[in-house]
Amino acid sequence: MPSLNVTFTDEELKGVRAAAAAEGKSLKQYLHDLGVREMERQKFVAGASSWADRLRAEFDAANPEEIPPSARHEGSAAA
């Protein structure tokens, strides 16, 4: 099975070890799960974005009074 060497500063490693311990996981398991969780998050966001894009026209037609934030002209946007 492929493996990976990851370099951390002493301070970074200390923080990662603490995070792994807080979840009750080994450092190896914690880093593995972190990568897998990020892949799943990206898939979810892509799917949700695609779903929203497909329904945007239907929503706009049903709610013509709604103005997308990008089309509003009421001063500068909040940071």
N, C-alpha and C. Protein backbone atom coordinates (compact mmCIF):
# COMPACT_ATOMS: atom_id res chain seq x y z
N MET A 1 0.85 -1.17 0.00
CA MET A 1 0.00 0.00 0.00
C MET A 1 0.90 1.24 0.00
N PRO A 2 0.58 2.24 -0.81
CA PRO A 2 1.40 3.45 -0.86
C PRO A 2 1.41 4.16 0.48
N SER A 3 2.51 4.84 0.76
CA SER A 3 2.60 5.63 1.98
C SER A 3 3.21 6.98 1.64
N LEU A 4 3.28 7.85 2.63
CA LEU A 4 3.69 9.22 2.39
C LEU A 4 4.46 9.73 3.60
N ASN A 5 5.57 10.39 3.37
CA ASN A 5 6.30 11.06 4.43
C ASN A 5 5.91 12.53 4.39
N VAL A 6 5.53 13.07 5.53
CA VAL A 6 5.10 14.47 5.61
C VAL A 6 6.01 15.18 6.60
N THR A 7 6.51 16.34 6.19
CA THR A 7 7.41 17.11 7.04
C THR A 7 6.63 18.22 7.76
N PHE A 8 6.85 18.34 9.05
CA PHE A 8 6.24 19.38 9.88
C PHE A 8 7.34 20.08 10.66
N THR A 9 7.09 21.34 11.01
CA THR A 9 7.97 21.98 11.98
C THR A 9 7.65 21.36 13.33
N ASP A 10 8.51 21.59 14.30
CA ASP A 10 8.25 21.05 15.65
C ASP A 10 6.93 21.55 16.19
N GLU A 11 6.66 22.83 15.99
CA GLU A 11 5.41 23.42 16.49
C GLU A 11 4.20 22.84 15.78
N GLU A 12 4.28 22.68 14.46
CA GLU A 12 3.18 22.09 13.70
C GLU A 12 2.91 20.66 14.15
N LEU A 13 3.96 19.89 14.32
CA LEU A 13 3.81 18.49 14.74
C LEU A 13 3.17 18.41 16.12
N LYS A 14 3.56 19.32 16.99
CA LYS A 14 2.97 19.35 18.33
C LYS A 14 1.47 19.57 18.23
N GLY A 15 1.05 20.52 17.38
CA GLY A 15 -0.37 20.80 17.20
C GLY A 15 -1.12 19.64 16.57
N VAL A 16 -0.52 19.00 15.59
CA VAL A 16 -1.16 17.86 14.92
C VAL A 16 -1.28 16.68 15.89
N ARG A 17 -0.26 16.45 16.66
CA ARG A 17 -0.33 15.36 17.66
C ARG A 17 -1.44 15.63 18.67
N ALA A 18 -1.56 16.89 19.11
CA ALA A 18 -2.62 17.24 20.06
C ALA A 18 -4.00 17.04 19.44
N ALA A 19 -4.16 17.42 18.18
CA ALA A 19 -5.44 17.23 17.50
C ALA A 19 -5.78 15.75 17.38
N ALA A 20 -4.78 14.93 17.04
CA ALA A 20 -5.00 13.48 16.93
C ALA A 20 -5.40 12.90 18.28
N ALA A 21 -4.70 13.32 19.33
CA ALA A 21 -5.00 12.82 20.67
C ALA A 21 -6.40 13.23 21.10
N ALA A 22 -6.80 14.44 20.75
CA ALA A 22 -8.13 14.93 21.11
C ALA A 22 -9.23 14.09 20.47
N GLU A 23 -8.93 13.51 19.31
CA GLU A 23 -9.91 12.64 18.64
C GLU A 23 -9.71 11.17 19.01
N GLY A 24 -8.73 10.90 19.85
CA GLY A 24 -8.47 9.53 20.27
C GLY A 24 -7.89 8.67 19.16
N LYS A 25 -7.12 9.29 18.27
CA LYS A 25 -6.57 8.57 17.13
C LYS A 25 -5.05 8.63 17.15
N SER A 26 -4.45 7.66 16.48
CA SER A 26 -3.01 7.73 16.26
C SER A 26 -2.75 8.84 15.25
N LEU A 27 -1.52 9.32 15.22
CA LEU A 27 -1.16 10.36 14.27
C LEU A 27 -1.40 9.88 12.84
N LYS A 28 -1.03 8.64 12.56
CA LYS A 28 -1.21 8.07 11.23
C LYS A 28 -2.69 8.03 10.84
N GLN A 29 -3.53 7.55 11.74
CA GLN A 29 -4.97 7.46 11.45
C GLN A 29 -5.58 8.85 11.30
N TYR A 30 -5.17 9.78 12.15
CA TYR A 30 -5.70 11.13 12.10
C TYR A 30 -5.40 11.79 10.75
N LEU A 31 -4.14 11.70 10.31
CA LEU A 31 -3.77 12.31 9.03
C LEU A 31 -4.46 11.62 7.85
N HIS A 32 -4.60 10.31 7.93
CA HIS A 32 -5.33 9.58 6.89
C HIS A 32 -6.76 10.08 6.81
N ASP A 33 -7.43 10.12 7.96
CA ASP A 33 -8.83 10.52 8.00
C ASP A 33 -9.01 11.97 7.56
N LEU A 34 -8.05 12.81 7.88
CA LEU A 34 -8.13 14.22 7.49
C LEU A 34 -8.13 14.35 5.97
N GLY A 35 -7.25 13.62 5.31
CA GLY A 35 -7.20 13.66 3.85
C GLY A 35 -8.47 13.11 3.21
N VAL A 36 -8.97 12.00 3.74
CA VAL A 36 -10.19 11.40 3.21
C VAL A 36 -11.38 12.33 3.43
N ARG A 37 -11.45 12.92 4.62
CA ARG A 37 -12.54 13.85 4.94
C ARG A 37 -12.53 15.05 3.99
N GLU A 38 -11.36 15.56 3.65
CA GLU A 38 -11.26 16.70 2.73
C GLU A 38 -11.72 16.30 1.33
N MET A 39 -11.37 15.10 0.87
CA MET A 39 -11.84 14.64 -0.43
C MET A 39 -13.37 14.55 -0.45
N GLU A 40 -13.95 14.02 0.62
CA GLU A 40 -15.40 13.90 0.71
C GLU A 40 -16.06 15.28 0.76
N ARG A 41 -15.44 16.24 1.46
CA ARG A 41 -15.97 17.59 1.54
C ARG A 41 -15.99 18.23 0.15
N GLN A 42 -14.90 18.06 -0.59
CA GLN A 42 -14.83 18.63 -1.94
C GLN A 42 -15.88 18.03 -2.86
N LYS A 43 -16.11 16.72 -2.76
CA LYS A 43 -17.15 16.08 -3.57
C LYS A 43 -18.52 16.63 -3.21
N PHE A 44 -18.77 16.81 -1.90
CA PHE A 44 -20.05 17.34 -1.45
C PHE A 44 -20.27 18.75 -1.98
N VAL A 45 -19.27 19.61 -1.84
CA VAL A 45 -19.39 20.99 -2.31
C VAL A 45 -19.62 21.04 -3.81
N ALA A 46 -18.90 20.23 -4.56
CA ALA A 46 -19.09 20.19 -6.02
C ALA A 46 -20.50 19.73 -6.37
N GLY A 47 -21.00 18.72 -5.68
CA GLY A 47 -22.36 18.24 -5.93
C GLY A 47 -23.42 19.26 -5.57
N ALA A 48 -23.23 19.93 -4.43
CA ALA A 48 -24.19 20.95 -4.00
C ALA A 48 -24.18 22.13 -4.96
N SER A 49 -23.01 22.51 -5.42
CA SER A 49 -22.90 23.62 -6.37
C SER A 49 -23.57 23.26 -7.70
N SER A 50 -23.35 22.04 -8.16
CA SER A 50 -23.97 21.58 -9.40
C SER A 50 -25.49 21.55 -9.25
N TRP A 51 -25.97 21.08 -8.12
CA TRP A 51 -27.40 21.01 -7.85
C TRP A 51 -28.00 22.41 -7.85
N ALA A 52 -27.31 23.36 -7.19
CA ALA A 52 -27.80 24.75 -7.15
C ALA A 52 -27.82 25.37 -8.54
N ASP A 53 -26.78 25.10 -9.32
CA ASP A 53 -26.73 25.63 -10.69
C ASP A 53 -27.89 25.11 -11.53
N ARG A 54 -28.23 23.83 -11.36
CA ARG A 54 -29.33 23.25 -12.13
C ARG A 54 -30.67 23.87 -11.75
N LEU A 55 -30.82 24.25 -10.48
CA LEU A 55 -32.11 24.79 -10.02
C LEU A 55 -32.19 26.31 -10.05
N ARG A 56 -31.09 26.98 -10.37
CA ARG A 56 -31.06 28.45 -10.32
C ARG A 56 -32.14 29.09 -11.21
N ALA A 57 -32.28 28.65 -12.44
CA ALA A 57 -33.25 29.24 -13.35
C ALA A 57 -34.67 29.04 -12.82
N GLU A 58 -34.96 27.85 -12.31
CA GLU A 58 -36.29 27.57 -11.74
C GLU A 58 -36.55 28.48 -10.54
N PHE A 59 -35.56 28.63 -9.67
CA PHE A 59 -35.72 29.50 -8.51
C PHE A 59 -35.93 30.95 -8.94
N ASP A 60 -35.13 31.42 -9.88
CA ASP A 60 -35.25 32.80 -10.35
C ASP A 60 -36.63 33.05 -10.96
N ALA A 61 -37.15 32.09 -11.70
CA ALA A 61 -38.47 32.25 -12.31
C ALA A 61 -39.57 32.28 -11.25
N ALA A 62 -39.42 31.49 -10.20
CA ALA A 62 -40.42 31.43 -9.14
C ALA A 62 -40.31 32.58 -8.15
N ASN A 63 -39.15 33.25 -8.11
CA ASN A 63 -38.91 34.31 -7.13
C ASN A 63 -38.30 35.53 -7.81
N PRO A 64 -39.03 36.17 -8.71
CA PRO A 64 -38.44 37.29 -9.46
C PRO A 64 -38.07 38.48 -8.58
N GLU A 65 -38.65 38.57 -7.38
CA GLU A 65 -38.34 39.69 -6.49
C GLU A 65 -36.98 39.52 -5.79
N GLU A 66 -36.45 38.32 -5.82
CA GLU A 66 -35.15 38.06 -5.22
C GLU A 66 -34.06 38.55 -6.16
N ILE A 67 -33.18 39.36 -5.63
CA ILE A 67 -32.07 39.88 -6.43
C ILE A 67 -30.78 39.24 -5.93
N PRO A 68 -30.04 38.58 -6.81
CA PRO A 68 -28.79 37.97 -6.37
C PRO A 68 -27.85 39.02 -5.78
N PRO A 69 -27.11 38.69 -4.73
CA PRO A 69 -26.20 39.65 -4.11
C PRO A 69 -25.26 40.32 -5.10
N SER A 70 -24.82 39.59 -6.11
CA SER A 70 -23.88 40.16 -7.08
C SER A 70 -24.53 41.22 -7.96
N ALA A 71 -25.86 41.25 -8.03
CA ALA A 71 -26.55 42.21 -8.88
C ALA A 71 -27.11 43.40 -8.08
N ARG A 72 -26.95 43.39 -6.76
CA ARG A 72 -27.45 44.48 -5.93
C ARG A 72 -26.55 45.70 -6.06
N HIS A 73 -27.16 46.87 -5.99
CA HIS A 73 -26.40 48.11 -6.10
C HIS A 73 -26.62 48.97 -4.87
N GLU A 74 -26.45 48.39 -3.70
CA GLU A 74 -26.72 49.12 -2.46
C GLU A 74 -25.43 49.34 -1.67
N GLY A 75 -24.45 49.96 -2.28
CA GLY A 75 -23.21 50.24 -1.58
C GLY A 75 -22.25 49.08 -1.66
N SER A 76 -21.19 49.17 -0.91
CA SER A 76 -20.18 48.12 -0.95
C SER A 76 -20.63 46.92 -0.14
N ALA A 77 -20.18 45.79 -0.57
CA ALA A 77 -20.53 44.53 0.11
C ALA A 77 -19.76 44.41 1.41
N ALA A 78 -20.32 43.70 2.33
CA ALA A 78 -19.64 43.46 3.61
C ALA A 78 -18.44 42.55 3.39
N ALA A 79 -17.46 42.74 4.21
CA ALA A 79 -16.22 41.94 4.06
C ALA A 79 -16.38 40.58 4.63
